[in-house]
Amino acid sequence: MIHTNPINDSKFQFHEYCGFCKNRCEDVTISSDYILVTNIWNEKENIEQTFDWISMQTKKPRIWLWIDDGSADGSKNEIERCQTKLPETEFWVESMPSKTIGNLDTIGVAYQKILPALIKKIDQSGVEYFAVMDVDTEPCPNYFPRLIWLLERYQKIGVVAGIPLGEVGKRRVKLPMGGGKVVRWSIVRQIQEYWDIAPDTLLNIKALARGYTLRTFRVPLRLERPTTGFSSKGVFRLGRLNYYVGRPFWAVFFRALRRLFLRDHGTQMMRGYLYERKRGTWNCTDPDVLKYYGRGSNPISALIDVIRYVGNE
């Protein structure tokens, strides 16, 4: 198991952590095209490095859509400056009004404004897959080709992602994370409304609602910043999300209790739920989201869920 992220190791070799490549990063051949989506707020200093990472992909994106959620640091100009690094890729930069403070809980607002308006244009481009990557994420050279290869091989899977170094063994639920996720475009194009807090989670939910499965595979990527899902801040946000979707107190309490047993920020989850409950401002009406988060809301089933997890540790 990997416990550290060797992000500064100049001798680092991705294939040593890959579940597919052995003695080197092996070539993966695919014919399908994909659109890559990166959302940012004031990330100018990281943009050129992100271009360098994507330029190493053995299959470049057909389109690279940048969703600029109101940057005020010249990020858009930096994207335009770096475009020559990928001459075969078409770039779309869509910007929200400038803001002085970024807010992850409203990134879905930008998605709602931008993506539904681009459905026809994306359809015309002929891409078959929708990939998401953040500017702090370095994918292995075959990252997107390999995941698309897996989607083409396993038609029942709707969403896939690799696993960040340092999180191997931690992803018990096997849910594909946001940065590094690949989704069938046929799933994404049916989404007419994005909720404000978690568009990447919505992609998973919509895939499940349409009968697809979700998978993570040992295709490696490195992060300069840890994913929020395994941090106290991320679990606090998850607690807020549980209130947003109407999950009852007992269901959240038992899930927080389970996290306490696992030493996985259970207190922060309960605090996040109670914080948002006190504000009482969020609500979600998407039937697929409500159905997904409604599972296990009964106190007895939630308690059984706790016992199952503790018993497996």
C-alpha atoms as a PDB file:
ATOM      1  CA  MET A   1       0.000   0.000   0.000  1.00  0.00           C
ATOM      2  CA  ILE A   2       1.228   3.491  -0.832  1.00  0.00           C
ATOM      3  CA  HIS A   3       1.167   5.921   2.071  1.00  0.00           C
ATOM      4  CA  THR A   4       2.912   8.936   0.563  1.00  0.00           C
ATOM      5  CA  ASN A   5       2.626  10.938  -2.601  1.00  0.00           C
ATOM      6  CA  PRO A   6       6.068  11.127  -4.260  1.00  0.00           C
ATOM      7  CA  ILE A   7       5.091  14.228  -6.207  1.00  0.00           C
ATOM      8  CA  ASN A   8       8.615  15.676  -6.122  1.00  0.00           C
ATOM      9  CA  ASP A   9      10.444  12.474  -7.029  1.00  0.00           C
ATOM     10  CA  SER A  10      12.210  13.124 -10.360  1.00  0.00           C
ATOM     11  CA  LYS A  11      12.761   9.367 -10.839  1.00  0.00           C
ATOM     12  CA  PHE A  12       9.092   8.551 -10.368  1.00  0.00           C
ATOM     13  CA  GLN A  13       7.677   5.899 -12.716  1.00  0.00           C
ATOM     14  CA  PHE A  14       3.905   5.602 -13.095  1.00  0.00           C
ATOM     15  CA  HIS A  15       3.984   2.002 -14.263  1.00  0.00           C
ATOM     16  CA  GLU A  16       5.245   0.882 -10.854  1.00  0.00           C
ATOM     17  CA  TYR A  17       1.816   1.744  -9.432  1.00  0.00           C
ATOM     18  CA  CYS A  18      -0.332   0.654 -12.374  1.00  0.00           C
ATOM     19  CA  GLY A  19      -2.578  -2.386 -12.442  1.00  0.00           C
ATOM     20  CA  PHE A  20      -2.085  -2.821 -16.198  1.00  0.00           C
ATOM     21  CA  CYS A  21       1.389  -1.707 -17.296  1.00  0.00           C
ATOM     22  CA  LYS A  22       4.354  -3.770 -16.107  1.00  0.00           C
ATOM     23  CA  ASN A  23       7.903  -2.796 -17.035  1.00  0.00           C
ATOM     24  CA  ARG A  24       7.004   0.520 -18.642  1.00  0.00           C
ATOM     25  CA  CYS A  25       4.000   2.678 -19.512  1.00  0.00           C
ATOM     26  CA  GLU A  26       2.613   0.540 -22.327  1.00  0.00           C
ATOM     27  CA  ASP A  27       0.806   2.034 -25.309  1.00  0.00           C
ATOM     28  CA  VAL A  28      -2.990   1.997 -25.324  1.00  0.00           C
ATOM     29  CA  THR A  29      -4.734   2.430 -28.666  1.00  0.00           C
ATOM     30  CA  ILE A  30      -8.248   3.836 -28.847  1.00  0.00           C
ATOM     31  CA  SER A  31     -10.140   5.468 -31.693  1.00  0.00           C
ATOM     32  CA  SER A  32     -12.787   7.259 -29.636  1.00  0.00           C
ATOM     33  CA  ASP A  33     -12.527  10.969 -28.857  1.00  0.00           C
ATOM     34  CA  TYR A  34     -13.167  12.668 -25.545  1.00  0.00           C
ATOM     35  CA  ILE A  35     -13.831  16.122 -24.219  1.00  0.00           C
ATOM     36  CA  LEU A  36     -11.766  17.108 -21.203  1.00  0.00           C
ATOM     37  CA  VAL A  37     -13.356  19.485 -18.677  1.00  0.00           C
ATOM     38  CA  THR A  38     -11.385  21.495 -16.128  1.00  0.00           C
ATOM     39  CA  ASN A  39     -13.029  23.936 -13.764  1.00  0.00           C
ATOM     40  CA  ILE A  40     -10.915  26.621 -12.083  1.00  0.00           C
ATOM     41  CA  TRP A  41     -10.976  29.690  -9.908  1.00  0.00           C
ATOM     42  CA  ASN A  42      -7.767  31.764  -9.715  1.00  0.00           C
ATOM     43  CA  GLU A  43      -5.427  28.964 -10.818  1.00  0.00           C
ATOM     44  CA  LYS A  44      -3.148  30.934 -13.142  1.00  0.00           C
ATOM     45  CA  GLU A  45       0.053  29.664 -11.545  1.00  0.00           C
ATOM     46  CA  ASN A  46      -0.932  26.012 -12.133  1.00  0.00           C
ATOM     47  CA  ILE A  47      -2.254  26.203 -15.686  1.00  0.00           C
ATOM     48  CA  GLU A  48       0.978  25.778 -17.657  1.00  0.00           C
ATOM     49  CA  GLN A  49       1.953  22.712 -15.645  1.00  0.00           C
ATOM     50  CA  THR A  50      -1.492  21.234 -16.353  1.00  0.00           C
ATOM     51  CA  PHE A  51      -0.956  21.766 -20.075  1.00  0.00           C
ATOM     52  CA  ASP A  52       2.387  19.972 -19.834  1.00  0.00           C
ATOM     53  CA  TRP A  53       0.762  16.997 -18.133  1.00  0.00           C
ATOM     54  CA  ILE A  54      -2.005  16.691 -20.717  1.00  0.00           C
ATOM     55  CA  SER A  55       0.480  17.091 -23.570  1.00  0.00           C
ATOM     56  CA  MET A  56       2.030  13.800 -22.351  1.00  0.00           C
ATOM     57  CA  GLN A  57      -1.208  11.846 -22.835  1.00  0.00           C
ATOM     58  CA  THR A  58      -0.884   9.230 -25.547  1.00  0.00           C
ATOM     59  CA  LYS A  59      -4.385  10.217 -26.692  1.00  0.00           C
ATOM     60  CA  LYS A  60      -5.011  13.957 -26.485  1.00  0.00           C
ATOM     61  CA  PRO A  61      -8.485  15.362 -25.863  1.00  0.00           C
ATOM     62  CA  ARG A  62     -10.483  16.326 -28.946  1.00  0.00           C
ATOM     63  CA  ILE A  63     -11.808  19.328 -27.002  1.00  0.00           C
ATOM     64  CA  TRP A  64     -10.617  20.887 -23.769  1.00  0.00           C
ATOM     65  CA  LEU A  65     -13.372  22.850 -22.058  1.00  0.00           C
ATOM     66  CA  TRP A  66     -12.277  25.213 -19.294  1.00  0.00           C
ATOM     67  CA  ILE A  67     -15.009  26.344 -16.906  1.00  0.00           C
ATOM     68  CA  ASP A  68     -13.654  29.492 -15.280  1.00  0.00           C
ATOM     69  CA  ASP A  69     -15.751  30.121 -12.193  1.00  0.00           C
ATOM     70  CA  GLY A  70     -15.010  33.845 -11.982  1.00  0.00           C
ATOM     71  CA  SER A  71     -11.205  34.017 -11.837  1.00  0.00           C
ATOM     72  CA  ALA A  72      -9.712  37.458 -11.286  1.00  0.00           C
ATOM     73  CA  ASP A  73      -6.027  36.565 -11.689  1.00  0.00           C
ATOM     74  CA  GLY A  74      -5.736  36.356 -15.489  1.00  0.00           C
ATOM     75  CA  SER A  75      -6.351  32.605 -15.707  1.00  0.00           C
ATOM     76  CA  LYS A  76      -8.187  32.946 -19.013  1.00  0.00           C
ATOM     77  CA  ASN A  77      -5.250  34.762 -20.627  1.00  0.00           C
ATOM     78  CA  GLU A  78      -2.892  32.070 -19.343  1.00  0.00           C
ATOM     79  CA  ILE A  79      -5.034  29.342 -20.916  1.00  0.00           C
ATOM     80  CA  GLU A  80      -4.950  31.154 -24.243  1.00  0.00           C
ATOM     81  CA  ARG A  81      -1.169  31.587 -23.992  1.00  0.00           C
ATOM     82  CA  CYS A  82      -0.576  27.876 -23.406  1.00  0.00           C
ATOM     83  CA  GLN A  83      -2.812  26.545 -26.187  1.00  0.00           C
ATOM     84  CA  THR A  84       0.097  26.112 -28.583  1.00  0.00           C
ATOM     85  CA  LYS A  85       1.270  23.190 -26.450  1.00  0.00           C
ATOM     86  CA  LEU A  86      -1.630  21.120 -27.838  1.00  0.00           C
ATOM     87  CA  PRO A  87      -2.169  22.183 -31.447  1.00  0.00           C
ATOM     88  CA  GLU A  88      -4.433  19.193 -32.196  1.00  0.00           C
ATOM     89  CA  THR A  89      -6.882  20.076 -29.406  1.00  0.00           C
ATOM     90  CA  GLU A  90      -9.780  22.528 -29.698  1.00  0.00           C
ATOM     91  CA  PHE A  91     -10.115  24.869 -26.727  1.00  0.00           C
ATOM     92  CA  TRP A  92     -13.307  26.298 -25.292  1.00  0.00           C
ATOM     93  CA  VAL A  93     -13.099  28.741 -22.387  1.00  0.00           C
ATOM     94  CA  GLU A  94     -16.372  29.620 -20.673  1.00  0.00           C
ATOM     95  CA  SER A  95     -16.286  32.174 -17.855  1.00  0.00           C
ATOM     96  CA  MET A  96     -18.615  33.108 -15.028  1.00  0.00           C
ATOM     97  CA  PRO A  97     -18.711  36.682 -13.631  1.00  0.00           C
ATOM     98  CA  SER A  98     -15.581  37.617 -11.694  1.00  0.00           C
ATOM     99  CA  LYS A  99     -15.644  36.911  -7.955  1.00  0.00           C
ATOM    100  CA  THR A 100     -13.239  37.686  -5.116  1.00  0.00           C
ATOM    101  CA  ILE A 101     -13.868  34.462  -3.167  1.00  0.00           C
ATOM    102  CA  GLY A 102     -14.093  31.004  -4.713  1.00  0.00           C
ATOM    103  CA  ASN A 103     -16.803  28.600  -3.575  1.00  0.00           C
ATOM    104  CA  LEU A 104     -16.824  24.870  -4.340  1.00  0.00           C
ATOM    105  CA  ASP A 105     -20.437  24.699  -3.220  1.00  0.00           C
ATOM    106  CA  THR A 106     -21.567  26.748  -6.202  1.00  0.00           C
ATOM    107  CA  ILE A 107     -19.535  25.158  -9.004  1.00  0.00           C
ATOM    108  CA  GLY A 108     -22.743  23.469 -10.136  1.00  0.00           C
ATOM    109  CA  VAL A 109     -24.141  26.913 -10.946  1.00  0.00           C
ATOM    110  CA  ALA A 110     -21.396  27.315 -13.542  1.00  0.00           C
ATOM    111  CA  TYR A 111     -22.070  23.825 -14.905  1.00  0.00           C
ATOM    112  CA  GLN A 112     -25.773  24.647 -15.192  1.00  0.00           C
ATOM    113  CA  LYS A 113     -25.118  27.812 -17.149  1.00  0.00           C
ATOM    114  CA  ILE A 114     -22.493  26.337 -19.469  1.00  0.00           C
ATOM    115  CA  LEU A 115     -23.006  22.639 -20.194  1.00  0.00           C
ATOM    116  CA  PRO A 116     -26.681  22.492 -21.270  1.00  0.00           C
ATOM    117  CA  ALA A 117     -25.948  25.289 -23.744  1.00  0.00           C
ATOM    118  CA  LEU A 118     -23.083  23.256 -25.248  1.00  0.00           C
ATOM    119  CA  ILE A 119     -24.873  19.916 -25.710  1.00  0.00           C
ATOM    120  CA  LYS A 120     -25.557  20.382 -29.424  1.00  0.00           C
ATOM    121  CA  LYS A 121     -22.038  21.650 -30.088  1.00  0.00           C
ATOM    122  CA  ILE A 122     -20.479  18.699 -28.261  1.00  0.00           C
ATOM    123  CA  ASP A 123     -22.748  16.281 -30.129  1.00  0.00           C
ATOM    124  CA  GLN A 124     -21.545  17.742 -33.423  1.00  0.00           C
ATOM    125  CA  SER A 125     -17.911  17.229 -32.403  1.00  0.00           C
ATOM    126  CA  GLY A 126     -18.396  13.465 -32.282  1.00  0.00           C
ATOM    127  CA  VAL A 127     -16.849  12.898 -28.857  1.00  0.00           C
ATOM    128  CA  GLU A 128     -18.021   9.810 -26.996  1.00  0.00           C
ATOM    129  CA  TYR A 129     -16.582  10.418 -23.555  1.00  0.00           C
ATOM    130  CA  PHE A 130     -16.594  13.215 -20.994  1.00  0.00           C
ATOM    131  CA  ALA A 131     -13.476  13.444 -18.817  1.00  0.00           C
ATOM    132  CA  VAL A 132     -12.838  15.672 -15.801  1.00  0.00           C
ATOM    133  CA  MET A 133      -9.460  16.738 -14.463  1.00  0.00           C
ATOM    134  CA  ASP A 134      -8.312  19.353 -11.958  1.00  0.00           C
ATOM    135  CA  VAL A 135      -5.214  21.525 -12.271  1.00  0.00           C
ATOM    136  CA  ASP A 136      -3.531  19.860  -9.281  1.00  0.00           C
ATOM    137  CA  THR A 137      -3.705  16.386 -10.830  1.00  0.00           C
ATOM    138  CA  GLU A 138      -0.977  14.682 -12.873  1.00  0.00           C
ATOM    139  CA  PRO A 139      -2.335  11.652 -14.747  1.00  0.00           C
ATOM    140  CA  CYS A 140      -0.124   8.852 -15.996  1.00  0.00           C
ATOM    141  CA  PRO A 141       0.628   9.123 -19.767  1.00  0.00           C
ATOM    142  CA  ASN A 142      -2.023   6.524 -20.588  1.00  0.00           C
ATOM    143  CA  TYR A 143      -4.566   7.694 -18.039  1.00  0.00           C
ATOM    144  CA  PHE A 144      -7.476   8.782 -20.243  1.00  0.00           C
ATOM    145  CA  PRO A 145      -6.807   6.275 -23.059  1.00  0.00           C
ATOM    146  CA  ARG A 146      -6.710   3.437 -20.532  1.00  0.00           C
ATOM    147  CA  LEU A 147      -9.974   4.424 -18.844  1.00  0.00           C
ATOM    148  CA  ILE A 148     -11.716   4.854 -22.191  1.00  0.00           C
ATOM    149  CA  TRP A 149     -10.342   1.462 -23.240  1.00  0.00           C
ATOM    150  CA  LEU A 150     -11.956  -0.009 -20.116  1.00  0.00           C
ATOM    151  CA  LEU A 151     -15.289   1.690 -20.826  1.00  0.00           C
ATOM    152  CA  GLU A 152     -15.259   0.279 -24.342  1.00  0.00           C
ATOM    153  CA  ARG A 153     -14.450  -3.173 -23.015  1.00  0.00           C
ATOM    154  CA  TYR A 154     -17.074  -3.143 -20.245  1.00  0.00           C
ATOM    155  CA  GLN A 155     -20.270  -1.693 -21.641  1.00  0.00           C
ATOM    156  CA  LYS A 156     -22.160  -1.916 -18.338  1.00  0.00           C
ATOM    157  CA  ILE A 157     -19.828   0.588 -16.676  1.00  0.00           C
ATOM    158  CA  GLY A 158     -20.927   4.208 -16.976  1.00  0.00           C
ATOM    159  CA  VAL A 159     -18.262   6.037 -14.976  1.00  0.00           C
ATOM    160  CA  VAL A 160     -14.638   5.146 -14.234  1.00  0.00           C
ATOM    161  CA  ALA A 161     -11.678   6.750 -12.511  1.00  0.00           C
ATOM    162  CA  GLY A 162      -8.167   5.864 -11.490  1.00  0.00           C
ATOM    163  CA  ILE A 163      -6.824   5.988  -7.951  1.00  0.00           C
ATOM    164  CA  PRO A 164      -4.578   8.740  -6.572  1.00  0.00           C
ATOM    165  CA  LEU A 165      -1.344   7.633  -4.997  1.00  0.00           C
ATOM    166  CA  GLY A 166      -1.836   7.644  -1.265  1.00  0.00           C
ATOM    167  CA  GLU A 167      -5.458   6.561  -1.523  1.00  0.00           C
ATOM    168  CA  VAL A 168      -4.962   2.993  -2.681  1.00  0.00           C
ATOM    169  CA  GLY A 169      -6.882   0.838  -0.227  1.00  0.00           C
ATOM    170  CA  LYS A 170      -8.967   3.730   1.103  1.00  0.00           C
ATOM    171  CA  ARG A 171     -11.657   3.770  -1.577  1.00  0.00           C
ATOM    172  CA  ARG A 172     -13.885   1.125   0.020  1.00  0.00           C
ATOM    173  CA  VAL A 173     -17.001   2.378  -1.730  1.00  0.00           C
ATOM    174  CA  LYS A 174     -15.304   2.296  -5.144  1.00  0.00           C
ATOM    175  CA  LEU A 175     -16.862   5.589  -6.200  1.00  0.00           C
ATOM    176  CA  PRO A 176     -15.061   7.383  -9.027  1.00  0.00           C
ATOM    177  CA  MET A 177     -13.771  10.727  -7.752  1.00  0.00           C
ATOM    178  CA  GLY A 178     -14.267  14.044  -9.534  1.00  0.00           C
ATOM    179  CA  GLY A 179     -10.797  14.923 -10.834  1.00  0.00           C
ATOM    180  CA  GLY A 180      -9.764  12.045 -13.086  1.00  0.00           C
ATOM    181  CA  LYS A 181     -13.273  10.786 -13.811  1.00  0.00           C
ATOM    182  CA  VAL A 182     -14.405   9.597 -17.264  1.00  0.00           C
ATOM    183  CA  VAL A 183     -18.121   9.349 -18.108  1.00  0.00           C
ATOM    184  CA  ARG A 184     -19.953   8.199 -21.193  1.00  0.00           C
ATOM    185  CA  TRP A 185     -21.114  11.305 -23.028  1.00  0.00           C
ATOM    186  CA  SER A 186     -24.510   9.660 -23.587  1.00  0.00           C
ATOM    187  CA  ILE A 187     -25.059   9.913 -19.813  1.00  0.00           C
ATOM    188  CA  VAL A 188     -23.907  13.502 -19.452  1.00  0.00           C
ATOM    189  CA  ARG A 189     -25.903  14.843 -22.397  1.00  0.00           C
ATOM    190  CA  GLN A 190     -29.184  13.796 -20.753  1.00  0.00           C
ATOM    191  CA  ILE A 191     -28.581  15.987 -17.695  1.00  0.00           C
ATOM    192  CA  GLN A 192     -30.731  19.082 -17.963  1.00  0.00           C
ATOM    193  CA  GLU A 193     -30.136  20.539 -14.517  1.00  0.00           C
ATOM    194  CA  TYR A 194     -27.027  20.555 -12.331  1.00  0.00           C
ATOM    195  CA  TRP A 195     -27.316  20.996  -8.595  1.00  0.00           C
ATOM    196  CA  ASP A 196     -25.078  23.634  -7.091  1.00  0.00           C
ATOM    197  CA  ILE A 197     -22.874  21.711  -4.667  1.00  0.00           C
ATOM    198  CA  ALA A 198     -21.500  18.601  -6.377  1.00  0.00           C
ATOM    199  CA  PRO A 199     -21.724  18.190 -10.156  1.00  0.00           C
ATOM    200  CA  ASP A 200     -19.137  15.394 -10.139  1.00  0.00           C
ATOM    201  CA  THR A 201     -21.236  13.381  -7.654  1.00  0.00           C
ATOM    202  CA  LEU A 202     -24.274  14.048  -9.831  1.00  0.00           C
ATOM    203  CA  LEU A 203     -22.525  12.314 -12.747  1.00  0.00           C
ATOM    204  CA  ASN A 204     -22.187   9.147 -10.645  1.00  0.00           C
ATOM    205  CA  ILE A 205     -25.810   9.308  -9.531  1.00  0.00           C
ATOM    206  CA  LYS A 206     -27.149   9.815 -13.055  1.00  0.00           C
ATOM    207  CA  ALA A 207     -25.119   6.874 -14.335  1.00  0.00           C
ATOM    208  CA  LEU A 208     -26.534   4.615 -11.605  1.00  0.00           C
ATOM    209  CA  ALA A 209     -30.068   5.868 -12.314  1.00  0.00           C
ATOM    210  CA  ARG A 210     -29.672   4.754 -15.930  1.00  0.00           C
ATOM    211  CA  GLY A 211     -28.623   1.238 -14.969  1.00  0.00           C
ATOM    212  CA  TYR A 212     -24.859   1.612 -15.278  1.00  0.00           C
ATOM    213  CA  THR A 213     -22.269   0.573 -12.715  1.00  0.00           C
ATOM    214  CA  LEU A 214     -19.366   2.613 -11.339  1.00  0.00           C
ATOM    215  CA  ARG A 215     -15.760   1.450 -11.074  1.00  0.00           C
ATOM    216  CA  THR A 216     -12.321   2.560 -10.037  1.00  0.00           C
ATOM    217  CA  PHE A 217      -9.246   0.900 -11.503  1.00  0.00           C
ATOM    218  CA  ARG A 218      -5.576   0.937 -10.578  1.00  0.00           C
ATOM    219  CA  VAL A 219      -4.682   3.546 -13.146  1.00  0.00           C
ATOM    220  CA  PRO A 220      -2.445   5.995 -11.243  1.00  0.00           C
ATOM    221  CA  LEU A 221      -2.408   9.739 -10.925  1.00  0.00           C
ATOM    222  CA  ARG A 222      -0.586  12.068  -8.553  1.00  0.00           C
ATOM    223  CA  LEU A 223      -2.068  14.955  -6.636  1.00  0.00           C
ATOM    224  CA  GLU A 224      -0.338  18.081  -5.434  1.00  0.00           C
ATOM    225  CA  ARG A 225      -3.219  18.540  -2.970  1.00  0.00           C
ATOM    226  CA  PRO A 226      -5.093  15.657  -1.307  1.00  0.00           C
ATOM    227  CA  THR A 227      -8.634  14.966  -2.433  1.00  0.00           C
ATOM    228  CA  THR A 228     -11.173  16.569  -0.130  1.00  0.00           C
ATOM    229  CA  GLY A 229     -13.107  13.327   0.236  1.00  0.00           C
ATOM    230  CA  PHE A 230     -10.528  12.003   2.698  1.00  0.00           C
ATOM    231  CA  SER A 231      -9.941  15.249   4.583  1.00  0.00           C
ATOM    232  CA  SER A 232     -11.740  16.753   7.576  1.00  0.00           C
ATOM    233  CA  LYS A 233     -12.853  19.663   5.387  1.00  0.00           C
ATOM    234  CA  GLY A 234     -14.264  17.314   2.775  1.00  0.00           C
ATOM    235  CA  VAL A 235     -16.175  15.237   5.324  1.00  0.00           C
ATOM    236  CA  PHE A 236     -17.585  18.415   6.898  1.00  0.00           C
ATOM    237  CA  ARG A 237     -18.820  19.326   3.429  1.00  0.00           C
ATOM    238  CA  LEU A 238     -20.279  15.815   3.088  1.00  0.00           C
ATOM    239  CA  GLY A 239     -22.237  16.400   6.287  1.00  0.00           C
ATOM    240  CA  ARG A 240     -23.640  19.589   4.790  1.00  0.00           C
ATOM    241  CA  LEU A 241     -24.531  17.678   1.649  1.00  0.00           C
ATOM    242  CA  ASN A 242     -26.492  15.135   3.695  1.00  0.00           C
ATOM    243  CA  TYR A 243     -28.754  17.923   4.930  1.00  0.00           C
ATOM    244  CA  TYR A 244     -29.028  19.381   1.424  1.00  0.00           C
ATOM    245  CA  VAL A 245     -30.514  16.161   0.064  1.00  0.00           C
ATOM    246  CA  GLY A 246     -32.866  15.661   3.001  1.00  0.00           C
ATOM    247  CA  ARG A 247     -31.171  12.713   4.701  1.00  0.00           C
ATOM    248  CA  PRO A 248     -32.705  12.420   8.213  1.00  0.00           C
ATOM    249  CA  PHE A 249     -30.776  12.972  11.412  1.00  0.00           C
ATOM    250  CA  TRP A 250     -30.594   9.305  12.407  1.00  0.00           C
ATOM    251  CA  ALA A 251     -29.152   8.240   9.073  1.00  0.00           C
ATOM    252  CA  VAL A 252     -26.412  10.854   9.343  1.00  0.00           C
ATOM    253  CA  PHE A 253     -25.781  10.069  13.021  1.00  0.00           C
ATOM    254  CA  PHE A 254     -25.114   6.397  12.338  1.00  0.00           C
ATOM    255  CA  ARG A 255     -22.897   7.205   9.378  1.00  0.00           C
ATOM    256  CA  ALA A 256     -20.936   9.631  11.516  1.00  0.00           C
ATOM    257  CA  LEU A 257     -20.684   6.928  14.194  1.00  0.00           C
ATOM    258  CA  ARG A 258     -19.294   4.516  11.636  1.00  0.00           C
ATOM    259  CA  ARG A 259     -16.673   7.078  10.664  1.00  0.00           C
ATOM    260  CA  LEU A 260     -15.728   7.496  14.320  1.00  0.00           C
ATOM    261  CA  PHE A 261     -15.043   3.763  14.544  1.00  0.00           C
ATOM    262  CA  LEU A 262     -12.942   3.994  11.387  1.00  0.00           C
ATOM    263  CA  ARG A 263     -11.178   7.167  12.588  1.00  0.00           C
ATOM    264  CA  ASP A 264     -12.447   8.858   9.441  1.00  0.00           C
ATOM    265  CA  HIS A 265     -13.593  12.335  10.558  1.00  0.00           C
ATOM    266  CA  GLY A 266     -16.935  11.266  12.017  1.00  0.00           C
ATOM    267  CA  THR A 267     -17.160  14.341  14.236  1.00  0.00           C
ATOM    268  CA  GLN A 268     -16.657  16.641  11.239  1.00  0.00           C
ATOM    269  CA  MET A 269     -19.439  14.895   9.336  1.00  0.00           C
ATOM    270  CA  MET A 270     -21.915  15.442  12.167  1.00  0.00           C
ATOM    271  CA  ARG A 271     -20.806  19.047  12.596  1.00  0.00           C
ATOM    272  CA  GLY A 272     -21.334  19.711   8.875  1.00  0.00           C
ATOM    273  CA  TYR A 273     -24.850  18.289   8.988  1.00  0.00           C
ATOM    274  CA  LEU A 274     -25.816  20.301  12.088  1.00  0.00           C
ATOM    275  CA  TYR A 275     -24.249  23.469  10.653  1.00  0.00           C
ATOM    276  CA  GLU A 276     -26.380  23.261   7.533  1.00  0.00           C
ATOM    277  CA  ARG A 277     -29.426  22.159   9.471  1.00  0.00           C
ATOM    278  CA  LYS A 278     -29.155  25.324  11.561  1.00  0.00           C
ATOM    279  CA  ARG A 279     -28.953  27.452   8.418  1.00  0.00           C
ATOM    280  CA  GLY A 280     -31.793  25.501   6.807  1.00  0.00           C
ATOM    281  CA  THR A 281     -31.253  27.028   3.372  1.00  0.00           C
ATOM    282  CA  TRP A 282     -30.476  24.160   1.025  1.00  0.00           C
ATOM    283  CA  ASN A 283     -32.873  21.784  -0.648  1.00  0.00           C
ATOM    284  CA  CYS A 284     -32.702  19.387  -3.571  1.00  0.00           C
ATOM    285  CA  THR A 285     -35.576  18.333  -5.827  1.00  0.00           C
ATOM    286  CA  ASP A 286     -33.746  16.049  -8.289  1.00  0.00           C
ATOM    287  CA  PRO A 287     -35.545  12.672  -7.992  1.00  0.00           C
ATOM    288  CA  ASP A 288     -32.434  10.625  -8.824  1.00  0.00           C
ATOM    289  CA  VAL A 289     -30.397  12.410  -6.159  1.00  0.00           C
ATOM    290  CA  LEU A 290     -33.122  12.050  -3.534  1.00  0.00           C
ATOM    291  CA  LYS A 291     -33.553   8.366  -4.306  1.00  0.00           C
ATOM    292  CA  TYR A 292     -29.800   7.741  -4.123  1.00  0.00           C
ATOM    293  CA  TYR A 293     -29.336   9.474  -0.778  1.00  0.00           C
ATOM    294  CA  GLY A 294     -32.606   8.103   0.547  1.00  0.00           C
ATOM    295  CA  ARG A 295     -31.181   4.590   0.685  1.00  0.00           C
ATOM    296  CA  GLY A 296     -30.458   3.518   4.229  1.00  0.00           C
ATOM    297  CA  SER A 297     -32.340   6.444   5.743  1.00  0.00           C
ATOM    298  CA  ASN A 298     -34.246   4.150   8.055  1.00  0.00           C
ATOM    299  CA  PRO A 299     -32.472   4.128  11.474  1.00  0.00           C
ATOM    300  CA  ILE A 300     -32.394   0.317  11.666  1.00  0.00           C
ATOM    301  CA  SER A 301     -30.838  -0.135   8.215  1.00  0.00           C
ATOM    302  CA  ALA A 302     -28.347   2.646   8.948  1.00  0.00           C
ATOM    303  CA  LEU A 303     -27.330   0.916  12.209  1.00  0.00           C
ATOM    304  CA  ILE A 304     -26.886  -2.365  10.350  1.00  0.00           C
ATOM    305  CA  ASP A 305     -24.674  -0.487   7.911  1.00  0.00           C
ATOM    306  CA  VAL A 306     -22.472   0.641  10.814  1.00  0.00           C
ATOM    307  CA  ILE A 307     -22.193  -2.885  12.217  1.00  0.00           C
ATOM    308  CA  ARG A 308     -21.289  -4.264   8.775  1.00  0.00           C
ATOM    309  CA  TYR A 309     -18.476  -1.761   8.290  1.00  0.00           C
ATOM    310  CA  VAL A 310     -17.063  -2.191  11.808  1.00  0.00           C
ATOM    311  CA  GLY A 311     -17.168  -5.954  11.404  1.00  0.00           C
ATOM    312  CA  ASN A 312     -15.125  -5.749   8.213  1.00  0.00           C
ATOM    313  CA  GLU A 313     -12.339  -3.697   9.803  1.00  0.00           C
END
